[in-house]
N, C-alpha and C. Protein backbone atom coordinates (compact mmCIF):
# COMPACT_ATOMS: atom_id res chain seq x y z
N MET A 1 131.10 106.41 99.24
CA MET A 1 130.55 105.07 99.10
C MET A 1 131.43 104.23 98.19
N ILE A 2 131.80 104.78 97.04
CA ILE A 2 132.63 104.04 96.09
C ILE A 2 134.01 103.79 96.68
N SER A 3 134.56 104.76 97.39
CA SER A 3 135.89 104.58 97.97
C SER A 3 135.87 103.51 99.06
N ALA A 4 134.77 103.40 99.77
CA ALA A 4 134.66 102.36 100.80
C ALA A 4 134.65 100.97 100.17
N VAL A 5 133.97 100.84 99.05
CA VAL A 5 133.90 99.54 98.36
C VAL A 5 135.27 99.18 97.79
N THR A 6 135.93 100.13 97.15
CA THR A 6 137.25 99.83 96.59
C THR A 6 138.26 99.57 97.70
N SER A 7 138.13 100.26 98.79
CA SER A 7 139.02 100.03 99.93
C SER A 7 138.80 98.62 100.49
N TYR A 8 137.56 98.21 100.58
CA TYR A 8 137.23 96.87 101.09
C TYR A 8 137.88 95.80 100.22
N PHE A 9 137.72 95.91 98.91
CA PHE A 9 138.28 94.90 98.01
C PHE A 9 139.80 94.95 97.99
N SER A 10 140.36 96.12 98.11
CA SER A 10 141.81 96.25 98.15
C SER A 10 142.38 95.58 99.39
N GLU A 11 141.74 95.80 100.53
CA GLU A 11 142.19 95.17 101.77
C GLU A 11 141.97 93.65 101.73
N ALA A 12 140.90 93.22 101.10
CA ALA A 12 140.64 91.78 100.99
C ALA A 12 141.72 91.11 100.16
N ILE A 13 142.14 91.74 99.09
CA ILE A 13 143.21 91.19 98.24
C ILE A 13 144.52 91.15 99.02
N GLN A 14 144.80 92.18 99.79
CA GLN A 14 146.01 92.19 100.61
C GLN A 14 146.00 91.05 101.62
N GLU A 15 144.86 90.78 102.22
CA GLU A 15 144.76 89.68 103.18
C GLU A 15 144.93 88.33 102.49
N LEU A 16 144.40 88.18 101.30
CA LEU A 16 144.54 86.92 100.57
C LEU A 16 145.99 86.64 100.20
N GLU A 17 146.78 87.68 100.03
CA GLU A 17 148.20 87.48 99.74
C GLU A 17 148.95 86.95 100.96
N LEU A 18 148.41 87.15 102.16
CA LEU A 18 149.05 86.68 103.38
C LEU A 18 148.68 85.24 103.73
N VAL A 19 147.67 84.71 103.05
CA VAL A 19 147.19 83.36 103.35
C VAL A 19 148.24 82.34 102.94
N ARG A 20 148.46 81.36 103.80
CA ARG A 20 149.36 80.26 103.47
C ARG A 20 148.50 79.15 102.88
N TRP A 21 148.52 79.04 101.55
CA TRP A 21 147.68 78.08 100.86
C TRP A 21 148.28 76.69 100.98
N PRO A 22 147.44 75.65 101.07
CA PRO A 22 147.97 74.28 101.16
C PRO A 22 148.59 73.85 99.82
N THR A 23 149.52 72.91 99.93
CA THR A 23 150.10 72.36 98.70
C THR A 23 149.07 71.46 98.04
N ARG A 24 149.35 71.07 96.82
CA ARG A 24 148.43 70.19 96.10
C ARG A 24 148.26 68.87 96.85
N ARG A 25 149.36 68.34 97.37
CA ARG A 25 149.32 67.07 98.10
C ARG A 25 148.47 67.18 99.36
N GLN A 26 148.64 68.29 100.10
CA GLN A 26 147.84 68.50 101.30
C GLN A 26 146.36 68.63 100.96
N ALA A 27 146.06 69.37 99.90
CA ALA A 27 144.66 69.57 99.51
C ALA A 27 144.01 68.25 99.11
N VAL A 28 144.73 67.41 98.38
CA VAL A 28 144.19 66.12 97.97
C VAL A 28 143.98 65.23 99.19
N ARG A 29 144.97 65.20 100.09
CA ARG A 29 144.86 64.36 101.28
C ARG A 29 143.70 64.80 102.17
N LEU A 30 143.58 66.09 102.40
CA LEU A 30 142.49 66.59 103.25
C LEU A 30 141.13 66.39 102.59
N SER A 31 141.07 66.51 101.28
CA SER A 31 139.82 66.25 100.57
C SER A 31 139.42 64.79 100.70
N ALA A 32 140.41 63.89 100.65
CA ALA A 32 140.13 62.46 100.81
C ALA A 32 139.62 62.18 102.22
N VAL A 33 140.19 62.84 103.21
CA VAL A 33 139.73 62.66 104.60
C VAL A 33 138.28 63.12 104.73
N VAL A 34 137.96 64.26 104.17
CA VAL A 34 136.59 64.78 104.24
C VAL A 34 135.63 63.84 103.52
N LEU A 35 136.01 63.36 102.35
CA LEU A 35 135.16 62.44 101.59
C LEU A 35 134.93 61.14 102.36
N ALA A 36 136.00 60.59 102.94
CA ALA A 36 135.87 59.34 103.71
C ALA A 36 134.97 59.55 104.92
N PHE A 37 135.16 60.64 105.64
CA PHE A 37 134.33 60.94 106.81
C PHE A 37 132.87 61.08 106.39
N THR A 38 132.62 61.75 105.28
CA THR A 38 131.26 61.95 104.80
C THR A 38 130.61 60.62 104.45
N LEU A 39 131.35 59.76 103.76
CA LEU A 39 130.79 58.45 103.38
C LEU A 39 130.50 57.59 104.60
N VAL A 40 131.44 57.54 105.54
CA VAL A 40 131.24 56.73 106.75
C VAL A 40 130.08 57.26 107.58
N SER A 41 130.02 58.56 107.79
CA SER A 41 128.95 59.12 108.61
C SER A 41 127.59 58.96 107.92
N SER A 42 127.53 59.10 106.60
CA SER A 42 126.25 58.91 105.92
C SER A 42 125.81 57.46 105.99
N ALA A 43 126.75 56.52 105.91
CA ALA A 43 126.40 55.10 106.06
C ALA A 43 125.88 54.82 107.47
N LEU A 44 126.52 55.38 108.47
CA LEU A 44 126.06 55.18 109.85
C LEU A 44 124.67 55.79 110.08
N PHE A 45 124.47 57.00 109.57
CA PHE A 45 123.16 57.62 109.72
C PHE A 45 122.09 56.82 108.96
N GLY A 46 122.45 56.27 107.82
CA GLY A 46 121.52 55.44 107.06
C GLY A 46 121.14 54.19 107.83
N LEU A 47 122.13 53.55 108.48
CA LEU A 47 121.83 52.36 109.28
C LEU A 47 120.94 52.69 110.47
N VAL A 48 121.23 53.81 111.14
CA VAL A 48 120.39 54.23 112.27
C VAL A 48 118.98 54.52 111.80
N ASP A 49 118.85 55.21 110.68
CA ASP A 49 117.53 55.52 110.14
C ASP A 49 116.77 54.25 109.79
N PHE A 50 117.46 53.31 109.15
CA PHE A 50 116.81 52.05 108.80
C PHE A 50 116.38 51.30 110.05
N GLY A 51 117.25 51.23 111.05
CA GLY A 51 116.92 50.54 112.30
C GLY A 51 115.73 51.18 113.00
N LEU A 52 115.71 52.49 113.07
CA LEU A 52 114.60 53.17 113.73
C LEU A 52 113.29 52.99 112.95
N SER A 53 113.35 53.03 111.64
CA SER A 53 112.12 52.84 110.86
C SER A 53 111.61 51.42 111.00
N GLN A 54 112.51 50.45 111.07
CA GLN A 54 112.08 49.06 111.28
C GLN A 54 111.47 48.89 112.67
N ALA A 55 112.07 49.51 113.67
CA ALA A 55 111.53 49.44 115.03
C ALA A 55 110.15 50.08 115.09
N LEU A 56 109.99 51.23 114.46
CA LEU A 56 108.70 51.90 114.44
C LEU A 56 107.66 51.06 113.71
N HIS A 57 108.05 50.48 112.60
CA HIS A 57 107.14 49.61 111.84
C HIS A 57 106.72 48.41 112.70
N PHE A 58 107.68 47.82 113.41
CA PHE A 58 107.37 46.69 114.28
C PHE A 58 106.41 47.10 115.40
N LEU A 59 106.67 48.25 116.02
CA LEU A 59 105.80 48.71 117.11
C LEU A 59 104.40 49.02 116.62
N LEU A 60 104.29 49.63 115.46
CA LEU A 60 102.96 49.97 114.95
C LEU A 60 102.19 48.75 114.48
N SER A 61 102.87 47.78 113.89
CA SER A 61 102.18 46.58 113.42
C SER A 61 101.84 45.66 114.59
N ALA A 62 102.58 45.72 115.69
CA ALA A 62 102.30 44.86 116.83
C ALA A 62 101.08 45.33 117.60
N THR A 63 100.79 46.62 117.57
CA THR A 63 99.66 47.14 118.34
C THR A 63 98.36 47.07 117.57
N LEU A 64 98.43 46.89 116.26
CA LEU A 64 97.18 46.86 115.49
C LEU A 64 96.63 45.51 115.40
C-alpha cells in the first residue's frame, strides 16, 4: 500500500517535469483573456436576466 502511494507521487513528479509551462507573458495574456471573457459574459447574462425579469413583471402585472 505504501509503495503504491510513493510510486504514484514519484510518477506524478516525473510527469510534471515533462510539462511545458507557459512563460510569464503568456500566463498574463491568457489570464487577461479569461478575465475579459468572464466580464463580458457576466454582463450579457445580467442583461438577459434583467430583460427576462422585466418581461415577466410586465406579463404578470398586465394580467392582474
